[in-house]
């Protein structure tokens, strides 16, 4: 759900509210109680709710770590290997 920022035009208090996109815009300040809140334009923020948002939820197959792989070049033994193998050979 999106997190919106509001600022009271009367007291200057800034507050955040977790709302659905379809929820009406807030108008009453939680600090001073006046109906003088204005929605601020800020960086997008949202909260992921429910299960299925963790890396461990998608563990099923074997992942290949290409950064630490020793056999990244199929022609490693030849002189015409990839640029990184040719530079490190000999």
N, C-alpha and C. Protein backbone atom coordinates (compact mmCIF):
# COMPACT_ATOMS: atom_id res chain seq x y z
N UNK A 1 0.84 -1.18 0.00
CA UNK A 1 0.00 0.00 0.00
C UNK A 1 0.89 1.24 0.00
N UNK A 2 0.47 2.26 -0.71
CA UNK A 2 1.27 3.50 -0.77
C UNK A 2 1.30 4.23 0.58
N UNK A 3 2.41 4.90 0.81
CA UNK A 3 2.57 5.74 2.00
C UNK A 3 2.61 7.18 1.51
N UNK A 4 1.64 7.97 1.95
CA UNK A 4 1.55 9.37 1.53
C UNK A 4 2.00 10.30 2.65
N UNK A 5 2.56 11.44 2.26
CA UNK A 5 2.95 12.47 3.22
C UNK A 5 2.00 13.65 3.10
N UNK A 6 1.63 14.18 4.26
CA UNK A 6 0.76 15.35 4.33
C UNK A 6 1.41 16.39 5.23
N UNK A 7 1.15 17.66 4.94
CA UNK A 7 1.64 18.75 5.80
C UNK A 7 0.47 19.66 6.14
N UNK A 8 0.37 19.98 7.41
CA UNK A 8 -0.68 20.89 7.87
C UNK A 8 -0.27 22.32 7.53
N UNK A 9 -1.14 23.06 6.89
CA UNK A 9 -0.86 24.45 6.53
C UNK A 9 -0.97 25.39 7.73
N UNK A 10 -1.64 24.93 8.80
CA UNK A 10 -1.79 25.75 10.00
C UNK A 10 -0.60 25.62 10.96
N UNK A 11 -0.29 24.37 11.34
CA UNK A 11 0.77 24.18 12.35
C UNK A 11 2.10 23.72 11.74
N UNK A 12 2.11 23.33 10.47
CA UNK A 12 3.34 22.93 9.80
C UNK A 12 3.76 21.48 10.05
N UNK A 13 2.97 20.73 10.81
CA UNK A 13 3.29 19.34 11.12
C UNK A 13 3.21 18.46 9.87
N UNK A 14 4.25 17.62 9.68
CA UNK A 14 4.27 16.68 8.55
C UNK A 14 3.93 15.30 9.09
N UNK A 15 3.02 14.62 8.43
CA UNK A 15 2.60 13.29 8.86
C UNK A 15 2.54 12.34 7.68
N UNK A 16 2.70 11.06 7.95
CA UNK A 16 2.61 10.04 6.91
C UNK A 16 1.36 9.21 7.15
N UNK A 17 0.76 8.72 6.07
CA UNK A 17 -0.43 7.88 6.17
C UNK A 17 -0.34 6.75 5.16
N UNK A 18 -0.59 5.52 5.62
CA UNK A 18 -0.66 4.37 4.73
C UNK A 18 -2.10 4.27 4.26
N UNK A 19 -2.29 4.47 2.95
CA UNK A 19 -3.64 4.49 2.39
C UNK A 19 -3.69 3.72 1.09
N UNK A 20 -4.87 3.23 0.75
CA UNK A 20 -5.10 2.68 -0.57
C UNK A 20 -5.16 3.84 -1.55
N UNK A 21 -4.91 3.55 -2.81
CA UNK A 21 -5.00 4.60 -3.83
C UNK A 21 -6.42 5.14 -3.92
N UNK A 22 -7.39 4.29 -3.67
CA UNK A 22 -8.80 4.69 -3.77
C UNK A 22 -9.31 5.42 -2.54
N UNK A 23 -8.53 5.47 -1.44
CA UNK A 23 -8.96 6.17 -0.23
C UNK A 23 -9.02 7.67 -0.47
N UNK A 24 -9.95 8.36 0.19
CA UNK A 24 -10.02 9.82 0.03
C UNK A 24 -8.81 10.52 0.67
N UNK A 25 -8.49 11.69 0.16
CA UNK A 25 -7.38 12.49 0.68
C UNK A 25 -7.72 12.94 2.10
N UNK A 26 -6.73 12.86 3.00
CA UNK A 26 -6.95 13.30 4.38
C UNK A 26 -7.02 14.82 4.43
N UNK A 27 -7.86 15.34 5.33
CA UNK A 27 -8.00 16.80 5.45
C UNK A 27 -7.74 17.28 6.87
N UNK A 28 -8.02 16.45 7.88
CA UNK A 28 -7.88 16.87 9.28
C UNK A 28 -6.50 16.55 9.83
N UNK A 29 -5.85 17.54 10.40
CA UNK A 29 -4.52 17.38 10.99
C UNK A 29 -4.63 16.58 12.28
N UNK A 30 -3.82 15.52 12.45
CA UNK A 30 -3.87 14.75 13.69
C UNK A 30 -3.29 15.51 14.89
N UNK A 31 -2.48 16.56 14.62
CA UNK A 31 -1.87 17.33 15.71
C UNK A 31 -2.79 18.43 16.23
N UNK A 32 -3.20 19.33 15.34
CA UNK A 32 -3.98 20.48 15.79
C UNK A 32 -5.48 20.32 15.54
N UNK A 33 -5.88 19.34 14.70
CA UNK A 33 -7.30 19.07 14.47
C UNK A 33 -7.95 19.93 13.39
N UNK A 34 -7.22 20.88 12.83
CA UNK A 34 -7.80 21.75 11.79
C UNK A 34 -7.83 21.01 10.45
N UNK A 35 -8.79 21.35 9.63
CA UNK A 35 -8.94 20.74 8.30
C UNK A 35 -8.08 21.50 7.31
N UNK A 36 -6.77 21.38 7.47
CA UNK A 36 -5.85 22.17 6.66
C UNK A 36 -4.67 21.34 6.12
N UNK A 37 -4.89 20.02 5.93
CA UNK A 37 -3.82 19.16 5.42
C UNK A 37 -3.72 19.25 3.91
N UNK A 38 -2.50 19.27 3.42
CA UNK A 38 -2.22 19.24 1.97
C UNK A 38 -1.29 18.07 1.70
N UNK A 39 -1.57 17.33 0.64
CA UNK A 39 -0.73 16.18 0.27
C UNK A 39 0.56 16.71 -0.33
N UNK A 40 1.69 16.15 0.11
CA UNK A 40 2.99 16.56 -0.40
C UNK A 40 3.42 15.67 -1.55
N UNK A 41 4.20 16.21 -2.43
CA UNK A 41 4.81 15.44 -3.50
C UNK A 41 6.14 14.94 -2.98
N UNK A 42 6.27 13.62 -2.86
CA UNK A 42 7.49 13.05 -2.29
C UNK A 42 7.87 11.79 -3.05
N UNK A 43 9.00 11.23 -2.67
CA UNK A 43 9.48 10.00 -3.30
C UNK A 43 8.47 8.88 -3.05
N UNK A 44 8.26 8.03 -4.04
CA UNK A 44 7.30 6.95 -3.85
C UNK A 44 7.75 5.98 -2.76
N UNK A 45 6.82 5.55 -1.95
CA UNK A 45 7.09 4.58 -0.90
C UNK A 45 5.88 3.67 -0.78
N UNK A 46 6.13 2.40 -0.51
CA UNK A 46 5.02 1.47 -0.33
C UNK A 46 5.45 0.35 0.59
N UNK A 47 4.48 -0.36 1.11
CA UNK A 47 4.74 -1.46 2.03
C UNK A 47 4.26 -2.75 1.38
N UNK A 48 5.14 -3.75 1.31
CA UNK A 48 4.76 -5.04 0.78
C UNK A 48 4.10 -5.82 1.90
N UNK A 49 2.88 -6.28 1.65
CA UNK A 49 2.10 -6.92 2.69
C UNK A 49 1.78 -8.35 2.27
N UNK A 50 1.95 -9.28 3.17
CA UNK A 50 1.62 -10.67 2.88
C UNK A 50 2.86 -11.51 2.69
N UNK A 51 2.64 -12.77 2.38
CA UNK A 51 3.77 -13.68 2.20
C UNK A 51 4.24 -13.65 0.76
N UNK A 52 5.42 -14.19 0.53
CA UNK A 52 5.94 -14.29 -0.82
C UNK A 52 6.89 -13.18 -1.21
N UNK A 53 7.35 -12.39 -0.27
CA UNK A 53 8.22 -11.25 -0.61
C UNK A 53 9.65 -11.48 -0.15
N UNK A 54 10.01 -12.70 0.18
CA UNK A 54 11.34 -12.97 0.66
C UNK A 54 12.09 -13.88 -0.31
N UNK A 55 13.38 -13.74 -0.38
CA UNK A 55 14.21 -14.53 -1.29
C UNK A 55 14.05 -16.02 -1.01
N UNK A 56 13.88 -16.38 0.25
CA UNK A 56 13.78 -17.79 0.61
C UNK A 56 12.48 -18.41 0.11
N UNK A 57 11.48 -17.62 -0.21
CA UNK A 57 10.22 -18.15 -0.72
C UNK A 57 10.35 -18.69 -2.14
N UNK A 58 11.38 -18.32 -2.84
CA UNK A 58 11.54 -18.73 -4.23
C UNK A 58 12.67 -19.74 -4.40
N UNK A 59 13.15 -20.32 -3.32
CA UNK A 59 14.21 -21.33 -3.41
C UNK A 59 13.59 -22.62 -3.92
N UNK A 60 14.04 -23.09 -5.03
CA UNK A 60 13.50 -24.33 -5.57
C UNK A 60 14.54 -24.99 -6.44
N UNK A 61 15.15 -24.20 -7.27
CA UNK A 61 16.19 -24.71 -8.14
C UNK A 61 17.54 -24.28 -7.63
N UNK A 62 18.55 -24.80 -8.25
CA UNK A 62 19.90 -24.43 -7.85
C UNK A 62 20.32 -23.20 -8.63
N UNK A 63 20.68 -22.16 -7.93
CA UNK A 63 21.14 -20.93 -8.58
C UNK A 63 22.62 -21.05 -8.87
N UNK A 64 23.04 -20.46 -9.95
CA UNK A 64 24.44 -20.50 -10.34
C UNK A 64 25.04 -19.13 -10.06
N UNK A 65 26.09 -19.10 -9.29
CA UNK A 65 26.77 -17.85 -8.98
C UNK A 65 27.84 -17.63 -10.04
N UNK A 66 27.53 -16.79 -11.02
CA UNK A 66 28.45 -16.58 -12.12
C UNK A 66 29.68 -15.79 -11.72
N UNK A 67 29.56 -14.96 -10.69
CA UNK A 67 30.70 -14.13 -10.29
C UNK A 67 31.83 -14.97 -9.70
N UNK A 68 31.50 -16.06 -9.01
CA UNK A 68 32.54 -16.87 -8.39
C UNK A 68 32.82 -18.15 -9.17
N UNK A 69 32.29 -18.25 -10.37
CA UNK A 69 32.49 -19.46 -11.17
C UNK A 69 33.89 -19.49 -11.75
N UNK A 70 34.54 -20.65 -11.65
CA UNK A 70 35.89 -20.80 -12.20
C UNK A 70 35.86 -21.17 -13.68
N UNK A 71 34.75 -21.67 -14.16
CA UNK A 71 34.68 -22.11 -15.55
C UNK A 71 33.79 -21.17 -16.38
N UNK A 72 34.08 -19.89 -16.34
CA UNK A 72 33.26 -18.93 -17.06
C UNK A 72 33.57 -18.90 -18.55
N UNK A 73 34.72 -19.40 -18.95
CA UNK A 73 35.10 -19.40 -20.36
C UNK A 73 35.21 -20.83 -20.85
N UNK A 74 34.42 -21.20 -21.87
CA UNK A 74 34.47 -22.57 -22.36
C UNK A 74 35.80 -22.94 -23.00
N UNK A 75 36.52 -21.98 -23.53
CA UNK A 75 37.81 -22.27 -24.17
C UNK A 75 38.95 -21.74 -23.31
N UNK A 76 38.91 -22.05 -22.02
CA UNK A 76 39.89 -21.52 -21.07
C UNK A 76 41.30 -22.03 -21.36
N UNK A 77 41.42 -23.27 -21.84
CA UNK A 77 42.74 -23.85 -22.07
C UNK A 77 43.37 -23.40 -23.37
N UNK A 78 42.57 -22.83 -24.26
CA UNK A 78 43.14 -22.40 -25.54
C UNK A 78 43.70 -20.99 -25.44
N UNK A 79 44.57 -20.64 -26.36
CA UNK A 79 45.18 -19.31 -26.37
C UNK A 79 44.17 -18.25 -26.81
N UNK A 80 43.10 -18.67 -27.52
CA UNK A 80 42.13 -17.70 -28.02
C UNK A 80 40.90 -17.66 -27.14
N UNK A 81 41.05 -17.75 -25.82
CA UNK A 81 39.92 -17.71 -24.90
C UNK A 81 39.33 -16.30 -24.87
N UNK A 82 38.44 -16.09 -23.94
CA UNK A 82 37.83 -14.76 -23.83
C UNK A 82 38.90 -13.75 -23.38
N UNK A 83 38.57 -12.50 -23.39
CA UNK A 83 39.53 -11.46 -23.06
C UNK A 83 40.13 -11.59 -21.67
N UNK A 84 39.31 -11.96 -20.68
CA UNK A 84 39.83 -12.07 -19.33
C UNK A 84 40.71 -13.31 -19.17
N UNK A 85 40.37 -14.41 -19.87
CA UNK A 85 41.20 -15.62 -19.77
C UNK A 85 42.52 -15.44 -20.50
N UNK A 86 42.47 -14.80 -21.66
CA UNK A 86 43.69 -14.58 -22.43
C UNK A 86 44.66 -13.66 -21.69
N UNK A 87 44.10 -12.70 -20.94
CA UNK A 87 44.93 -11.75 -20.22
C UNK A 87 45.56 -12.38 -19.00
N UNK A 88 44.90 -13.40 -18.40
CA UNK A 88 45.44 -13.99 -17.19
C UNK A 88 46.21 -15.27 -17.42
N UNK A 89 46.21 -15.77 -18.66
CA UNK A 89 46.96 -17.01 -18.92
C UNK A 89 48.44 -16.73 -19.04
N UNK A 90 49.26 -17.78 -18.84
CA UNK A 90 50.72 -17.73 -18.88
C UNK A 90 51.29 -17.14 -17.67
